[in-house]
Protein backbone atom coordinates (compact mmCIF):
# COMPACT_ATOMS: atom_id res chain seq x y z
CA MET A 1 -42.36 -233.18 -111.25
CA SER A 2 -42.31 -231.40 -107.90
CA SER A 3 -41.00 -234.87 -105.85
CA ARG A 4 -38.55 -235.19 -108.93
CA HIS A 5 -36.78 -231.85 -108.09
CA SER A 6 -36.64 -232.62 -104.86
CA ASN A 7 -35.10 -235.48 -105.12
CA ALA A 8 -32.41 -234.42 -107.51
CA SER A 9 -31.33 -231.28 -105.08
CA LYS A 10 -30.72 -234.02 -102.36
CA LYS A 11 -28.74 -235.94 -104.71
CA SER A 12 -26.55 -232.93 -105.46
CA LYS A 13 -25.91 -232.15 -101.27
CA SER A 14 -25.05 -235.32 -100.73
CA ARG A 15 -22.46 -235.57 -103.30
CA SER A 16 -21.27 -231.87 -102.44
CA THR A 17 -21.13 -232.88 -98.73
CA LYS A 18 -18.86 -236.42 -99.79
CA LYS A 19 -16.50 -233.90 -101.79
CA MET A 20 -15.91 -231.67 -99.02
CA MET A 21 -15.38 -234.69 -96.27
CA ALA A 22 -12.79 -235.93 -98.90
CA PHE A 23 -11.21 -232.42 -99.09
CA MET A 24 -10.81 -232.06 -95.56
CA ALA A 25 -9.53 -235.99 -94.67
CA ASP A 26 -7.01 -235.37 -97.55
CA GLN A 27 -5.76 -231.77 -95.70
CA PHE A 28 -5.84 -233.41 -92.21
CA ALA A 29 -3.79 -236.29 -93.63
CA ARG A 30 -1.00 -233.90 -95.08
CA VAL A 31 -1.19 -231.29 -91.85
CA VAL A 32 -1.45 -234.01 -88.84
CA PRO A 33 2.22 -235.79 -89.38
CA LYS A 34 3.99 -232.17 -90.18
CA VAL A 35 2.04 -230.82 -86.25
CA ILE A 36 3.37 -234.62 -85.04
CA SER A 37 6.65 -234.34 -85.95
CA GLU A 38 7.25 -230.80 -84.89
CA ILE A 39 5.86 -232.32 -81.14
CA ARG A 40 8.29 -234.50 -80.90
CA ALA A 41 11.17 -232.20 -82.23
CA SER A 42 10.18 -230.13 -79.58
CA GLU A 43 10.13 -232.71 -76.65
CA THR A 44 13.73 -234.68 -77.55
CA PRO A 45 16.92 -232.33 -76.20
CA HIS A 46 18.74 -230.37 -79.19
CA SER A 47 21.16 -231.87 -80.86
CA SER A 48 24.57 -229.95 -81.19
CA VAL A 49 23.77 -229.01 -85.24
CA ASP A 50 20.01 -227.82 -84.26
CA SER A 51 20.65 -225.86 -81.07
CA LYS A 52 20.89 -222.23 -81.03
CA VAL A 53 23.32 -220.08 -78.86
CA GLU A 54 21.30 -217.60 -76.72
CA ALA A 55 22.46 -214.13 -77.13
CA ARG A 56 23.34 -212.66 -74.03
CA LYS A 57 21.48 -210.13 -71.64
CA PRO A 58 22.97 -206.49 -72.12
CA VAL A 59 24.01 -206.14 -68.75
CA SER A 60 22.84 -202.12 -67.30
CA PHE A 61 26.03 -200.44 -66.27
CA ASN A 62 26.75 -198.29 -63.46
CA PHE A 63 29.83 -196.35 -61.97
CA LYS A 64 29.29 -199.25 -59.06
CA HIS A 65 30.31 -201.63 -62.18
CA PHE A 66 32.97 -199.68 -62.92
CA SER A 67 34.52 -198.98 -59.47
CA SER A 68 34.67 -203.01 -58.99
CA CYS A 69 37.34 -202.63 -61.35
CA ASN A 70 39.90 -200.88 -59.52
CA PRO A 71 40.42 -197.92 -61.73
CA LYS A 72 43.66 -195.53 -61.02
CA PRO A 73 43.08 -192.53 -59.25
CA PHE A 74 44.31 -189.10 -61.16
CA THR A 75 45.58 -186.43 -59.12
CA GLY A 76 47.02 -184.09 -61.96
CA ASN A 77 50.47 -182.81 -59.28
CA ASP A 78 52.37 -186.05 -60.51
CA GLY A 79 53.71 -184.47 -64.35
CA VAL A 80 52.49 -185.22 -67.92
CA THR A 81 54.62 -188.61 -67.68
CA ALA A 82 51.83 -189.82 -64.84
CA MET A 83 49.18 -188.44 -66.25
CA LEU A 84 50.08 -190.51 -70.08
CA GLU A 85 50.59 -193.69 -67.76
CA TRP A 86 47.14 -192.79 -66.39
CA PHE A 87 44.89 -192.90 -69.95
CA ASP A 88 46.47 -196.11 -70.64
CA SER A 89 45.20 -197.75 -67.33
CA ILE A 90 42.00 -196.04 -67.59
CA GLU A 91 41.44 -197.24 -71.44
CA VAL A 92 42.21 -200.59 -69.85
CA THR A 93 39.38 -200.23 -67.32
CA PHE A 94 36.89 -199.01 -69.84
CA ILE A 95 36.90 -202.24 -71.90
CA ASN A 96 37.22 -204.89 -68.44
CA SER A 97 34.35 -202.69 -67.42
CA GLU A 98 32.44 -202.29 -70.58
CA CYS A 99 31.62 -199.14 -70.20
CA PRO A 100 29.73 -197.34 -72.94
CA ASP A 101 31.27 -194.55 -74.94
CA GLU A 102 28.67 -191.82 -73.40
CA LEU A 103 29.62 -192.57 -70.05
CA LYS A 104 33.27 -192.49 -70.04
CA THR A 105 33.60 -188.87 -69.51
CA ARG A 106 31.41 -189.59 -66.16
CA SER A 107 33.25 -192.55 -65.56
CA ALA A 108 37.00 -191.59 -65.60
CA THR A 109 35.86 -188.14 -64.06
CA GLY A 110 34.46 -189.98 -60.78
CA VAL A 111 38.46 -190.66 -59.98
CA PHE A 112 39.34 -187.40 -59.94
CA GLN A 113 41.21 -186.12 -57.20
CA ALA A 114 42.92 -183.13 -55.76
CA ARG A 115 43.85 -180.53 -58.50
CA ALA A 116 42.18 -182.63 -61.12
CA LEU A 117 38.94 -182.52 -58.71
CA GLU A 118 39.25 -178.84 -58.34
CA TRP A 119 40.02 -177.95 -62.29
CA TRP A 120 36.64 -180.65 -63.28
CA THR A 121 34.64 -179.33 -60.73
CA ASN A 122 35.49 -175.39 -62.33
CA GLU A 123 35.08 -177.29 -65.48
CA ARG A 124 31.45 -177.87 -64.53
CA ASN A 125 30.37 -174.53 -63.00
CA ILE A 126 31.32 -173.15 -66.60
CA ARG A 127 30.21 -175.23 -68.74
CA SER A 128 27.07 -177.15 -66.51
CA ASN A 129 27.03 -180.36 -65.73
CA GLU A 130 24.80 -181.72 -68.60
CA LEU A 131 27.10 -180.08 -71.16
CA ALA A 132 30.10 -181.13 -69.30
CA TYR A 133 29.36 -184.97 -68.67
CA ALA A 134 28.28 -184.62 -72.76
CA LEU A 135 31.96 -184.49 -73.77
CA THR A 136 33.43 -187.07 -75.59
CA TRP A 137 36.38 -188.74 -73.98
CA GLU A 138 38.25 -187.61 -76.86
CA GLU A 139 37.19 -184.24 -75.73
CA THR A 140 38.11 -184.82 -72.41
CA LYS A 141 41.38 -185.70 -72.85
CA ALA A 142 42.52 -182.77 -74.78
CA LEU A 143 40.66 -180.32 -72.59
CA MET A 144 43.04 -182.09 -69.85
CA MET A 145 46.33 -181.63 -72.13
CA ASP A 146 45.97 -178.22 -72.41
CA GLU A 147 45.22 -177.84 -68.48
CA PHE A 148 48.10 -180.05 -66.99
CA CYS A 149 50.41 -179.60 -70.08
CA PRO A 150 50.52 -175.81 -70.33
CA PRO A 151 52.88 -174.54 -72.63
CA HIS A 152 55.88 -174.08 -70.81
CA GLU A 153 55.84 -177.12 -69.76
CA GLN A 154 55.60 -178.09 -73.77
CA ARG A 155 58.62 -175.94 -74.49
CA LYS A 156 60.31 -178.04 -71.91
CA LEU A 157 59.66 -181.48 -73.15
CA GLU A 158 60.10 -180.31 -76.55
CA GLU A 159 64.00 -179.24 -75.45
CA GLU A 160 64.30 -182.75 -73.72
CA PHE A 161 62.87 -184.35 -77.24
CA TRP A 162 65.55 -182.53 -79.34
CA VAL A 163 68.24 -183.86 -76.98
CA LEU A 164 66.95 -187.28 -75.99
CA LYS A 165 69.48 -190.07 -76.42
CA GLN A 166 69.77 -193.75 -75.35
CA ILE A 167 72.07 -193.92 -72.54
CA GLY A 168 74.22 -196.67 -72.01
CA ASP A 169 72.30 -200.14 -72.84
CA ASP A 170 69.15 -198.87 -71.54
CA ASN A 171 66.69 -199.07 -75.04
CA LEU A 172 63.63 -199.72 -73.21
CA ALA A 173 63.38 -196.65 -70.97
CA TYR A 174 64.87 -194.41 -74.31
CA THR A 175 62.02 -196.44 -76.37
CA THR A 176 59.34 -195.95 -74.33
CA ARG A 177 60.30 -191.72 -73.56
CA PHE A 178 60.57 -191.56 -77.25
CA LYS A 179 56.48 -192.70 -77.18
CA GLN A 180 55.52 -190.38 -74.34
CA LEU A 181 57.11 -187.15 -76.12
CA CYS A 182 55.60 -188.35 -79.78
CA PHE A 183 52.18 -188.17 -78.00
CA ILE A 184 52.61 -184.67 -75.87
CA VAL A 185 54.52 -182.94 -78.94
CA PRO A 186 53.49 -184.67 -82.14
CA HIS A 187 54.28 -181.66 -84.29
CA LEU A 188 57.79 -182.46 -83.74
CA VAL A 189 57.47 -185.45 -85.83
CA SER A 190 54.34 -184.74 -88.02
CA THR A 191 55.48 -187.18 -90.24
CA PRO A 192 56.65 -191.16 -90.12
CA ASP A 193 60.04 -190.31 -91.82
CA ARG A 194 60.97 -188.05 -89.44
CA LYS A 195 59.58 -190.38 -86.59
CA LYS A 196 62.04 -192.78 -87.83
CA SER A 197 64.80 -190.58 -88.46
CA LYS A 198 64.51 -188.69 -85.01
CA TYR A 199 64.19 -192.44 -82.84
CA ILE A 200 67.57 -193.54 -85.26
CA ASN A 201 69.53 -190.68 -84.35
CA GLY A 202 69.12 -191.16 -80.25
CA LEU A 203 70.45 -194.57 -80.66
CA PRO A 204 74.05 -195.44 -80.35
CA PRO A 205 76.42 -195.45 -83.97
CA ASN A 206 77.04 -198.74 -83.81
CA MET A 207 73.04 -199.84 -83.96
CA ARG A 208 72.24 -196.82 -86.04
CA ASP A 209 74.56 -197.81 -89.23
CA THR A 210 72.65 -201.48 -88.97
CA ILE A 211 69.17 -199.69 -88.96
CA GLU A 212 70.23 -197.39 -91.36
CA ALA A 213 71.30 -200.34 -93.45
CA ALA A 214 67.75 -202.43 -92.74
CA LYS A 215 65.76 -199.70 -94.39
CA LEU A 216 62.66 -200.61 -92.71
CA ASP A 217 59.14 -199.51 -93.20
CA SER A 218 57.71 -198.86 -90.26
CA ILE A 219 58.59 -197.76 -86.54
CA GLU A 220 57.64 -200.37 -84.78
CA ASP A 221 59.62 -202.85 -86.68
CA ILE A 222 62.61 -200.19 -85.94
CA TYR A 223 61.52 -200.97 -82.58
CA ARG A 224 62.03 -204.33 -82.38
CA LEU A 225 65.41 -204.34 -84.50
CA ALA A 226 66.75 -201.89 -82.06
CA ALA A 227 65.67 -204.43 -78.71
CA SER A 228 66.50 -207.11 -80.53
CA LEU A 229 70.46 -205.51 -81.18
CA ASN A 230 70.57 -203.85 -77.74
CA ASN A 231 70.41 -207.31 -76.16
CA ASN A 232 73.24 -208.78 -78.27
CA ARG A 233 75.34 -206.12 -77.37
CA VAL A 234 74.27 -206.40 -73.73
CA ARG A 235 75.08 -210.32 -74.39
CA ASP A 236 78.70 -209.82 -75.76
CA LYS A 237 79.44 -207.53 -73.17
CA GLN A 238 78.65 -209.74 -70.15
CA ALA A 239 80.80 -212.58 -72.51
CA ALA A 240 83.81 -210.59 -72.67
CA ASN A 241 83.28 -210.36 -69.09
CA LEU A 242 83.27 -213.58 -67.78
CA VAL A 243 86.87 -214.19 -70.13
CA PRO A 244 89.60 -214.40 -67.60
CA SER A 245 92.27 -211.84 -68.63
CA LYS A 246 95.73 -212.88 -67.71
CA PRO A 247 97.89 -209.81 -66.01
CA PRO A 248 100.74 -208.32 -68.68
CA ASN A 249 103.51 -209.49 -65.73
CA GLN A 250 102.55 -213.07 -64.87
CA ILE A 251 104.56 -215.85 -66.11
CA THR A 252 103.05 -219.06 -66.08
CA GLN A 253 105.43 -222.31 -66.89
CA GLN A 254 103.72 -225.92 -67.14
CA SER A 255 105.11 -229.45 -68.35
CA ASN A 256 103.17 -230.81 -71.72
CA ASN A 257 104.32 -234.04 -71.14
CA ASN A 258 102.07 -234.98 -68.18
CA ARG A 259 99.12 -233.93 -70.59
CA GLY A 260 95.83 -236.44 -70.12
CA LYS A 261 97.05 -237.47 -66.80
CA LYS A 262 95.29 -237.85 -63.49
CA ARG A 263 95.42 -233.93 -61.52
CA LYS A 264 97.43 -235.59 -58.67
CA GLN A 265 100.06 -236.35 -61.45
CA SER A 266 100.32 -233.69 -63.34
CA SER A 267 103.41 -231.28 -63.53
CA PRO A 268 103.00 -228.71 -60.64
CA VAL A 269 102.33 -225.14 -61.61
CA CYS A 270 104.83 -222.35 -61.10
CA ASN A 271 103.31 -218.74 -61.57
CA ALA A 272 105.49 -215.89 -60.38
CA ILE A 273 104.31 -212.45 -59.74
CA VAL A 274 107.02 -209.61 -61.46
CA PRO A 275 106.16 -206.38 -59.88
CA PRO A 276 106.29 -203.36 -62.34
CA VAL A 277 108.57 -200.80 -62.41
CA ASN A 278 107.47 -197.29 -61.73
CA PRO A 279 109.79 -195.07 -64.76
CA ASP A 280 109.15 -192.37 -62.78
CA PRO A 281 109.35 -192.88 -58.85
CA VAL A 282 108.30 -189.54 -56.45
CA ALA A 283 110.82 -188.82 -54.28
CA PRO A 284 109.44 -188.89 -50.11
CA ASP A 285 108.27 -185.49 -48.89
CA ASN A 286 110.88 -185.49 -46.11
CA THR A 287 110.72 -181.32 -45.89
CA GLN A 288 109.71 -180.70 -42.29
CA ARG A 289 106.88 -178.27 -41.32
CA PRO A 290 108.09 -174.71 -40.37
CA TYR A 291 107.96 -174.03 -36.33
CA THR A 292 105.02 -171.96 -35.51
CA GLY A 293 104.87 -172.27 -31.45
CA ILE A 294 106.09 -169.34 -29.36
CA HIS A 295 109.05 -170.81 -27.61
CA PRO A 296 112.45 -169.93 -29.00
CA LYS A 297 114.58 -172.86 -29.95
CA CYS A 298 117.20 -174.29 -27.87
CA ALA A 299 120.95 -174.21 -28.97
CA THR A 300 121.85 -177.51 -26.68
CA CYS A 301 118.96 -179.30 -28.31
CA ASN A 302 118.29 -177.45 -31.31
CA PHE A 303 114.40 -178.59 -30.30
CA HIS A 304 111.51 -175.62 -29.39
CA HIS A 305 111.23 -175.53 -25.58
CA PRO A 306 110.17 -172.84 -22.40
CA VAL A 307 113.52 -171.93 -20.67
CA ASN A 308 112.42 -173.18 -17.32
CA ALA A 309 112.40 -176.77 -19.05
CA ARG A 310 114.97 -179.19 -19.40
CA CYS A 311 115.88 -180.55 -22.47
CA ARG A 312 114.78 -184.38 -23.41
CA ARG A 313 117.62 -186.66 -23.67
CA CYS A 314 117.19 -190.61 -24.38
CA GLY A 315 119.47 -192.52 -22.05
CA ASN A 316 119.53 -195.15 -24.05
CA CYS A 317 120.94 -193.48 -27.41
CA ASN A 318 122.07 -190.10 -25.62
CA ARG A 319 119.98 -188.19 -28.40
CA TYR A 320 118.07 -185.40 -27.60
CA GLY A 321 113.98 -184.92 -28.15
CA HIS A 322 112.50 -187.78 -26.58
CA THR A 323 113.10 -189.94 -23.26
CA ILE A 324 114.11 -193.54 -23.63
CA ASN A 325 110.48 -194.86 -22.78
CA PHE A 326 109.64 -193.75 -26.69
CA CYS A 327 113.34 -194.94 -27.92
CA ARG A 328 112.91 -197.30 -30.96
CA GLN A 329 116.51 -198.85 -30.53
CA GLN A 330 116.72 -201.65 -28.63
CA PRO A 331 118.13 -201.04 -25.07
CA GLN A 332 122.22 -201.84 -24.40
CA GLN A 333 123.46 -203.06 -21.46
CA ALA A 334 126.37 -200.87 -20.51
CA PRO A 335 128.35 -202.03 -17.16
CA PRO A 336 127.00 -200.18 -14.04
CA ALA A 337 130.41 -198.29 -13.81
CA GLN A 338 129.89 -197.09 -17.25
CA GLN A 339 126.11 -196.13 -16.56
CA ALA A 340 127.01 -194.00 -13.47
CA GLN A 341 130.08 -192.28 -15.63
CA GLN A 342 127.33 -191.35 -18.39
CA ALA A 343 124.61 -190.12 -15.64
CA GLN A 344 127.06 -187.90 -14.06
CA GLN A 345 128.52 -186.48 -17.68
CA ALA A 346 124.97 -186.16 -18.09
CA GLN A 347 124.02 -183.80 -15.11
CA GLN A 348 127.58 -182.02 -15.16
CA ALA A 349 126.76 -181.16 -18.83
CA LEU A 350 122.84 -180.17 -18.34
CA PRO A 351 122.26 -178.75 -15.13
CA ALA A 352 119.19 -178.85 -14.16
CA PRO A 353 117.93 -175.28 -13.22
CA GLN A 354 115.34 -174.56 -10.34
CA ASN A 355 111.67 -175.28 -9.93
CA ALA A 356 111.99 -177.28 -12.88
CA ARG A 357 108.93 -179.68 -14.21
CA PRO A 358 108.55 -182.79 -15.54
CA ALA A 359 108.87 -182.83 -19.47
CA ARG A 360 104.84 -182.74 -20.43
CA ALA A 361 104.45 -180.08 -22.58
CA CYS A 362 101.80 -179.05 -25.26
CA PHE A 363 102.08 -181.14 -28.84
CA LYS A 364 100.77 -178.33 -30.15
CA CYS A 365 102.62 -174.82 -29.10
CA GLY A 366 105.11 -176.55 -26.60
CA ASP A 367 103.77 -174.83 -23.43
CA VAL A 368 103.98 -176.95 -20.22
CA ASN A 369 101.12 -175.45 -18.57
CA HIS A 370 98.46 -176.96 -20.58
CA LEU A 371 98.28 -179.88 -22.98
CA ARG A 372 97.54 -180.25 -26.49
CA PRO A 373 93.38 -180.81 -25.62
CA GLN A 374 93.52 -177.57 -23.57
CA CYS A 375 95.45 -175.28 -25.99
CA PRO A 376 93.67 -172.39 -27.42
CA GLN A 377 95.64 -172.56 -30.88
CA TRP A 378 94.36 -175.84 -31.05
CA ASN A 379 90.73 -175.27 -30.01
CA GLN A 380 90.69 -172.31 -32.13
CA GLU A 381 91.58 -173.94 -35.37
CA GLN A 382 89.20 -177.00 -34.82
CA GLN A 383 86.67 -174.95 -34.69
CA GLN A 384 83.76 -174.85 -36.97
CA PRO A 385 82.73 -171.97 -39.48
CA PRO A 386 79.30 -170.78 -38.75
CA ARG A 387 76.58 -172.20 -40.56
CA GLY A 388 74.53 -168.88 -40.89
CA ARG A 389 76.52 -167.33 -43.30
CA ALA A 390 73.81 -166.65 -46.03
CA PHE A 391 71.68 -164.90 -43.16
CA ASN A 392 74.22 -161.80 -43.92
CA LEU A 393 73.89 -161.64 -47.62
CA ASN A 394 71.14 -159.94 -49.06
CA ALA A 395 69.17 -160.12 -52.55
CA ASN A 396 71.92 -158.66 -54.45
CA GLN A 397 74.66 -160.20 -53.10
CA THR A 398 73.40 -163.76 -53.53
CA ARG A 399 72.68 -162.78 -57.28
CA ASN A 400 76.33 -162.50 -57.91
CA ASP A 401 77.14 -165.37 -55.09
CA ASN A 402 77.48 -168.74 -57.19
CA ASP A 403 76.88 -170.67 -54.25
CA VAL A 404 73.61 -169.89 -53.35
CA VAL A 405 70.43 -169.75 -55.43
CA ASN A 406 67.33 -167.12 -54.50
CA GLY A 407 64.38 -165.83 -56.06
CA THR A 408 60.19 -165.57 -55.47
CA PHE A 409 58.58 -168.82 -54.98
CA LEU A 410 55.34 -169.36 -53.31
CA VAL A 411 54.77 -170.61 -49.73
CA ASN A 412 51.56 -170.93 -48.17
CA HIS A 413 50.28 -169.76 -51.32
CA LEU A 414 51.80 -166.25 -50.77
CA TYR A 415 54.91 -164.63 -52.39
CA ALA A 416 58.23 -165.20 -50.68
CA LEU A 417 61.77 -163.92 -51.41
CA ILE A 418 63.67 -167.52 -50.78
CA LEU A 419 67.05 -168.60 -50.42
CA PHE A 420 68.36 -172.06 -51.38
CA ASP A 421 71.70 -172.00 -48.89
CA THR A 422 73.78 -175.06 -48.46
CA GLY A 423 75.79 -173.57 -46.05
CA ALA A 424 72.75 -173.89 -43.50
CA ASP A 425 71.58 -176.53 -41.55
CA LYS A 426 67.55 -176.38 -41.06
CA SER A 427 65.11 -174.47 -42.97
CA PHE A 428 64.15 -170.91 -41.46
CA VAL A 429 61.62 -168.35 -41.63
CA SER A 430 61.58 -165.05 -40.88
CA LEU A 431 59.19 -163.59 -37.91
CA GLU A 432 57.64 -160.93 -39.86
CA PHE A 433 57.06 -163.93 -42.69
CA GLU A 434 55.63 -165.95 -39.73
CA SER A 435 52.71 -163.68 -38.99
CA LEU A 436 51.44 -163.74 -42.60
CA LEU A 437 51.42 -167.31 -42.27
CA ASN A 438 48.90 -167.86 -39.68
CA TYR A 439 50.17 -171.17 -38.43
CA THR A 440 50.73 -172.30 -34.57
CA ARG A 441 53.53 -172.99 -33.73
CA SER A 442 55.20 -177.09 -32.43
CA LYS A 443 57.36 -177.69 -29.49
CA LEU A 444 60.18 -179.20 -30.45
CA PRO A 445 61.68 -182.12 -28.35
CA LYS A 446 64.72 -180.62 -27.73
CA SER A 447 65.87 -177.12 -27.93
CA PHE A 448 69.22 -176.14 -29.53
CA SER A 449 71.14 -173.15 -30.59
CA VAL A 450 71.76 -171.62 -33.86
CA GLU A 451 74.49 -169.46 -34.83
CA VAL A 452 74.46 -166.58 -36.64
CA ALA A 453 76.40 -164.51 -39.11
CA ASN A 454 77.17 -161.95 -36.52
CA GLY A 455 78.62 -164.61 -34.04
CA LYS A 456 75.69 -164.72 -31.84
CA SER A 457 73.67 -167.75 -30.85
CA ILE A 458 69.59 -167.81 -30.69
CA LEU A 459 68.18 -170.81 -28.77
CA VAL A 460 65.58 -171.98 -30.79
CA ASP A 461 62.56 -174.04 -29.24
CA SER A 462 59.58 -174.38 -31.82
CA ILE A 463 58.76 -174.98 -35.29
CA LEU A 464 56.40 -174.42 -38.05
CA LEU A 465 55.61 -177.84 -39.29
CA ASP A 466 53.96 -179.31 -42.74
CA CYS A 467 54.09 -175.56 -44.63
CA ARG A 468 53.30 -175.73 -48.32
CA LEU A 469 55.87 -174.84 -50.82
CA THR A 470 55.65 -174.46 -54.44
CA LEU A 471 58.27 -174.40 -57.05
CA ASN A 472 57.20 -174.30 -60.71
CA GLU A 473 53.07 -175.51 -59.93
CA HIS A 474 54.88 -178.24 -57.78
CA ALA A 475 54.10 -178.50 -54.22
CA PHE A 476 56.50 -179.98 -51.27
CA SER A 477 56.02 -180.04 -47.86
CA ILE A 478 58.57 -178.07 -45.59
CA ASP A 479 59.20 -177.52 -42.00
CA LEU A 480 60.34 -174.52 -41.00
CA ILE A 481 62.05 -172.76 -37.68
CA PRO A 482 60.75 -168.93 -37.14
CA VAL A 483 64.26 -166.42 -35.83
CA GLN A 484 65.04 -162.93 -36.99
CA LEU A 485 66.43 -162.70 -40.34
CA GLY A 486 67.92 -159.91 -42.20
CA SER A 487 66.70 -159.93 -46.43
CA PHE A 488 65.03 -162.96 -46.95
CA ASP A 489 61.58 -163.96 -45.68
CA VAL A 490 62.64 -168.21 -46.18
CA ILE A 491 65.95 -169.91 -45.96
CA ILE A 492 66.02 -173.37 -47.28
CA GLY A 493 69.31 -175.33 -45.84
CA MET A 494 70.50 -178.69 -45.92
CA ASP A 495 67.54 -180.93 -44.35
CA TRP A 496 65.21 -180.04 -46.72
CA LEU A 497 67.70 -180.16 -49.82
CA GLN A 498 68.77 -183.47 -48.55
CA LYS A 499 65.57 -185.26 -48.09
CA ASN A 500 64.21 -184.03 -51.35
CA HIS A 501 67.17 -185.06 -53.36
CA ALA A 502 67.97 -181.53 -54.33
CA GLU A 503 71.05 -180.30 -56.63
CA ILE A 504 71.99 -176.64 -56.59
CA ALA A 505 73.95 -175.55 -60.06
CA CYS A 506 75.85 -173.02 -58.86
CA HIS A 507 76.84 -171.42 -62.36
CA GLU A 508 73.65 -171.71 -64.07
CA LYS A 509 72.21 -170.54 -60.78
CA PHE A 510 69.38 -173.03 -60.90
CA VAL A 511 67.95 -176.26 -58.32
CA ARG A 512 67.33 -179.84 -59.52
CA LEU A 513 64.88 -181.62 -58.14
CA PRO A 514 63.55 -185.27 -59.21
CA LEU A 515 59.85 -185.95 -59.11
CA PRO A 516 58.48 -189.25 -58.19
CA SER A 517 57.24 -189.36 -61.88
CA GLY A 518 60.93 -189.96 -62.71
CA ASP A 519 60.73 -186.00 -64.28
CA VAL A 520 63.28 -183.85 -63.34
CA LEU A 521 62.16 -180.33 -62.10
CA HIS A 522 64.73 -177.19 -62.80
CA VAL A 523 64.06 -174.45 -60.09
CA TYR A 524 65.72 -171.19 -61.76
CA GLY A 525 66.90 -168.33 -59.46
CA ASP A 526 67.64 -164.64 -60.20
CA ARG A 527 70.48 -164.07 -62.28
CA PRO A 528 73.06 -161.64 -61.99
CA SER A 529 71.98 -158.23 -64.06
CA ARG A 530 74.30 -157.07 -66.83
CA GLY A 531 75.09 -153.12 -67.34
CA LEU A 532 73.95 -151.49 -70.47
CA LYS A 533 76.16 -151.58 -73.00
CA LEU A 534 76.43 -148.14 -74.96
CA MET A 535 77.16 -147.37 -78.44
CA SER A 536 78.22 -143.96 -79.99
CA CYS A 537 75.95 -142.66 -82.45
CA THR A 538 78.72 -143.39 -85.35
CA GLN A 539 77.65 -147.16 -84.31
CA ALA A 540 74.16 -146.59 -84.20
CA ASN A 541 74.13 -144.74 -87.72
CA LYS A 542 76.11 -148.08 -89.23
CA TYR A 543 73.98 -150.21 -87.97
CA LEU A 544 70.74 -148.71 -89.38
CA ARG A 545 72.30 -148.30 -92.75
CA LYS A 546 72.55 -151.96 -92.63
């Protein structure tokens, strides 16, 4: 029984082993072909269908990579318009350098210079470096608008926005300035309808009517239509200027019989120019100027000359007042006997006085002792008035004088009483104010004299170069000559006004200065104070009842 049981167990183990081997062979037969196909696919090159685009590895951003894109520096001294242009430029630099949002403030403030760098340094000291650089770019832009576009500048821009209109055919400049002011003072065009209405009202009347009739929805469509209409206006004007117009007084006659023939066989053209007739001719002024000399009038020749000088008489026309060398009539040939008789009669009629001198006298006063270049009267009239007129004025007189502008401004961070005077050739500084500047004088290449109001001449041989003049937070360079002045610390003359293209509005009492950014700076001076207006008690009670 035991042998049978062992044989049965051996047979069952062999069957199970065979089944397991068969199962493993079946699984290998299924898996091996897939593995072989994958190995072959990995060894063959990628097809256009099976290939995948590999993702680009992210590049680490740093300031060196940002600087390689040449960002535009910002100083903060060129006005609001320059700051808006810098905003646009730095946004483009952010895109080109792939600057992340959290590093935009750090990268943009890295190109600050001059006044902008001083402001950002102060902000970092107040906030700390971590909080300052943690600001978003929009928050940084808002801080810059508050700093470099203060409320008084915004009021000026608001006044400019209210009167902004297109000048001539320059629609591009009008549209650009309109967009800038919309960004600076957005509260004036808070709604799209107000923005469209404000832009259309600044256009010329013919363009305005066309755009209003179009009834466009977006402001961008209005910009494009205005530019197209403006180009048509310019084209029409150029075409009108190219068409030659015939003068009203030109008569052209040409034969029509030879039309179509060659040019050499065509009939000639006759052009007759008829001069225009002046309906109100102005008669020439033949009145002689009155005599202003000191010599009496001669009863013989009716001319003024010294008593001891002989009368000038022409031997050709026998007229007084000139000699034969300056006679306008052609010389007349007379017989010798007649010439001798005429000379004898002239000698008898005009006896020569004793110690007579040649007929050379001053053209201005008639004196025979000198000519016109040495005449005292002529030299006195030719002398120019002194250019130091402003030195003789005080502050109260300049307020009432419309030819000058005065006020208190900063010179090297010190308050100075300044006079803008077109009557002064140079710019001057008083000796008392020079001691406060702590500036070293520089020698002039050549000394020159300065004439002041009291008529004295002062020899000047030194100058203070490159002083800092601050007008409404705008810095200018000025050269000052130290002299003794009266009521003013600094007098700004024509050398600085002409260099900076300045204009003085006498009636409004302000100086107009064009800035490099295209803006115009108005520097207002002191105005004359008006007297007090008094009213009676009856008038006061009457106003209080209202």
